[in-house]
C-alpha atoms as a PDB file:
ATOM      1  CA  MET A   1      27.592 -63.736-142.338  1.00  0.00           C
ATOM      2  CA  ARG A   2      28.941 -60.254-142.941  1.00  0.00           C
ATOM      3  CA  THR A   3      25.403 -58.855-143.067  1.00  0.00           C
ATOM      4  CA  LEU A   4      24.581 -60.412-139.704  1.00  0.00           C
ATOM      5  CA  VAL A   5      27.613 -58.802-138.072  1.00  0.00           C
ATOM      6  CA  ILE A   6      26.661 -55.398-139.524  1.00  0.00           C
ATOM      7  CA  ILE A   7      23.082 -55.750-138.213  1.00  0.00           C
ATOM      8  CA  ILE A   8      24.338 -56.663-134.726  1.00  0.00           C
ATOM      9  CA  VAL A   9      26.775 -53.728-134.670  1.00  0.00           C
ATOM     10  CA  LEU A  10      24.058 -51.314-135.808  1.00  0.00           C
ATOM     11  CA  ALA A  11      21.658 -52.650-133.159  1.00  0.00           C
ATOM     12  CA  LEU A  12      24.308 -52.128-130.473  1.00  0.00           C
ATOM     13  CA  ILE A  13      24.969 -48.577-131.682  1.00  0.00           C
ATOM     14  CA  VAL A  14      21.242 -47.784-131.580  1.00  0.00           C
ATOM     15  CA  MET A  15      20.887 -49.220-128.050  1.00  0.00           C
ATOM     16  CA  ILE A  16      23.886 -47.249-126.770  1.00  0.00           C
ATOM     17  CA  ALA A  17      22.637 -44.045-128.421  1.00  0.00           C
ATOM     18  CA  LYS A  18      19.199 -44.464-126.811  1.00  0.00           C
ATOM     19  CA  ARG A  19      20.745 -44.806-123.368  1.00  0.00           C
ATOM     20  CA  LEU A  20      22.911 -41.737-123.865  1.00  0.00           C
ATOM     21  CA  TRP A  21      20.011 -39.552-125.020  1.00  0.00           C
ATOM     22  CA  GLN A  22      17.491 -40.707-122.424  1.00  0.00           C
ATOM     23  CA  LYS A  23      16.716 -38.388-119.557  1.00  0.00           C
ATOM     24  CA  PRO A  24      17.881 -39.708-116.195  1.00  0.00           C
ATOM     25  CA  ARG A  25      15.102 -41.382-114.243  1.00  0.00           C
ATOM     26  CA  PRO A  26      13.966 -39.722-111.042  1.00  0.00           C
ATOM     27  CA  PRO A  27      14.384 -41.703-107.818  1.00  0.00           C
ATOM     28  CA  ALA A  28      11.608 -44.223-107.152  1.00  0.00           C
ATOM     29  CA  ASN A  29      10.259 -42.462-104.026  1.00  0.00           C
ATOM     30  CA  PRO A  30      11.899 -39.028-103.906  1.00  0.00           C
ATOM     31  CA  GLY A  31      10.084 -37.657-100.830  1.00  0.00           C
ATOM     32  CA  ARG A  32       9.883 -40.845 -98.833  1.00  0.00           C
ATOM     33  CA  GLN A  33      12.582 -41.524 -96.277  1.00  0.00           C
ATOM     34  CA  PRO A  34      12.966 -44.986 -94.826  1.00  0.00           C
ATOM     35  CA  GLY A  35      11.501 -45.128 -91.351  1.00  0.00           C
ATOM     36  CA  LYS A  36      12.190 -47.128 -88.260  1.00  0.00           C
ATOM     37  CA  MET A  37      11.306 -50.817 -88.517  1.00  0.00           C
ATOM     38  CA  VAL A  38       9.540 -52.545 -85.627  1.00  0.00           C
ATOM     39  CA  GLN A  39       8.830 -56.200 -84.962  1.00  0.00           C
ATOM     40  CA  CYS A  40       5.333 -57.635 -84.546  1.00  0.00           C
ATOM     41  CA  ALA A  41       5.015 -58.967 -80.997  1.00  0.00           C
ATOM     42  CA  ASN A  42       2.909 -61.875 -82.283  1.00  0.00           C
ATOM     43  CA  CYS A  43       4.520 -63.232 -85.460  1.00  0.00           C
ATOM     44  CA  GLY A  44       7.911 -61.492 -85.455  1.00  0.00           C
ATOM     45  CA  ILE A  45       7.655 -59.890 -88.904  1.00  0.00           C
ATOM     46  CA  TYR A  46       9.311 -56.468 -89.312  1.00  0.00           C
ATOM     47  CA  ILE A  47       7.162 -53.598 -90.583  1.00  0.00           C
ATOM     48  CA  PRO A  48       7.587 -49.811 -90.801  1.00  0.00           C
ATOM     49  CA  GLU A  49       6.663 -48.141 -87.518  1.00  0.00           C
ATOM     50  CA  GLN A  50       4.202 -45.781 -89.205  1.00  0.00           C
ATOM     51  CA  GLU A  51       2.240 -48.783 -90.555  1.00  0.00           C
ATOM     52  CA  ALA A  52       2.272 -50.767 -87.305  1.00  0.00           C
ATOM     53  CA  LEU A  53      -0.474 -50.916 -84.700  1.00  0.00           C
ATOM     54  CA  SER A  54       0.729 -50.428 -81.152  1.00  0.00           C
ATOM     55  CA  ARG A  55      -0.397 -51.196 -77.647  1.00  0.00           C
ATOM     56  CA  GLY A  56       1.905 -49.786 -75.015  1.00  0.00           C
ATOM     57  CA  ASP A  57       5.444 -50.495 -76.132  1.00  0.00           C
ATOM     58  CA  ARG A  58       4.459 -53.493 -78.301  1.00  0.00           C
ATOM     59  CA  PHE A  59       3.839 -53.326 -82.058  1.00  0.00           C
ATOM     60  CA  TYR A  60       1.640 -55.487 -84.291  1.00  0.00           C
ATOM     61  CA  CYS A  61       1.395 -56.018 -88.053  1.00  0.00           C
ATOM     62  CA  SER A  62      -2.403 -56.397 -88.089  1.00  0.00           C
ATOM     63  CA  GLN A  63      -5.525 -55.882 -86.028  1.00  0.00           C
ATOM     64  CA  ALA A  64      -5.927 -59.663 -85.764  1.00  0.00           C
ATOM     65  CA  HIS A  65      -2.509 -60.013 -84.106  1.00  0.00           C
ATOM     66  CA  LEU A  66      -3.267 -57.142 -81.743  1.00  0.00           C
ATOM     67  CA  ASP A  67      -6.596 -58.738 -80.764  1.00  0.00           C
ATOM     68  CA  GLU A  68      -4.963 -62.155 -80.381  1.00  0.00           C
ATOM     69  CA  ASP A  69      -2.353 -60.746 -78.017  1.00  0.00           C
ATOM     70  CA  ILE A  70      -5.035 -58.949 -75.990  1.00  0.00           C
ATOM     71  CA  HIS A  71      -6.940 -62.238 -75.585  1.00  0.00           C
ATOM     72  CA  ASN A  72      -3.781 -64.142 -74.620  1.00  0.00           C
ATOM     73  CA  THR A  73      -2.775 -61.627 -71.927  1.00  0.00           C
ATOM     74  CA  SER A  74      -6.261 -61.288 -70.422  1.00  0.00           C
END
């Protein structure tokens, strides 16, 4: 029993030492700033504006939704 406690304590000391000596991790996306989110006029999902397709003041998540809206309004 005493041996088991010593092994657990040593394992904890090793884990703590590793965390203290590790270099800090850089941010996940250092140069990327969150952008404005827009809503797809067809399905309502929110997507980043720079990834969205637009027609006038309406935004779409895919070409299929853009085409579908064009057919519905024509």
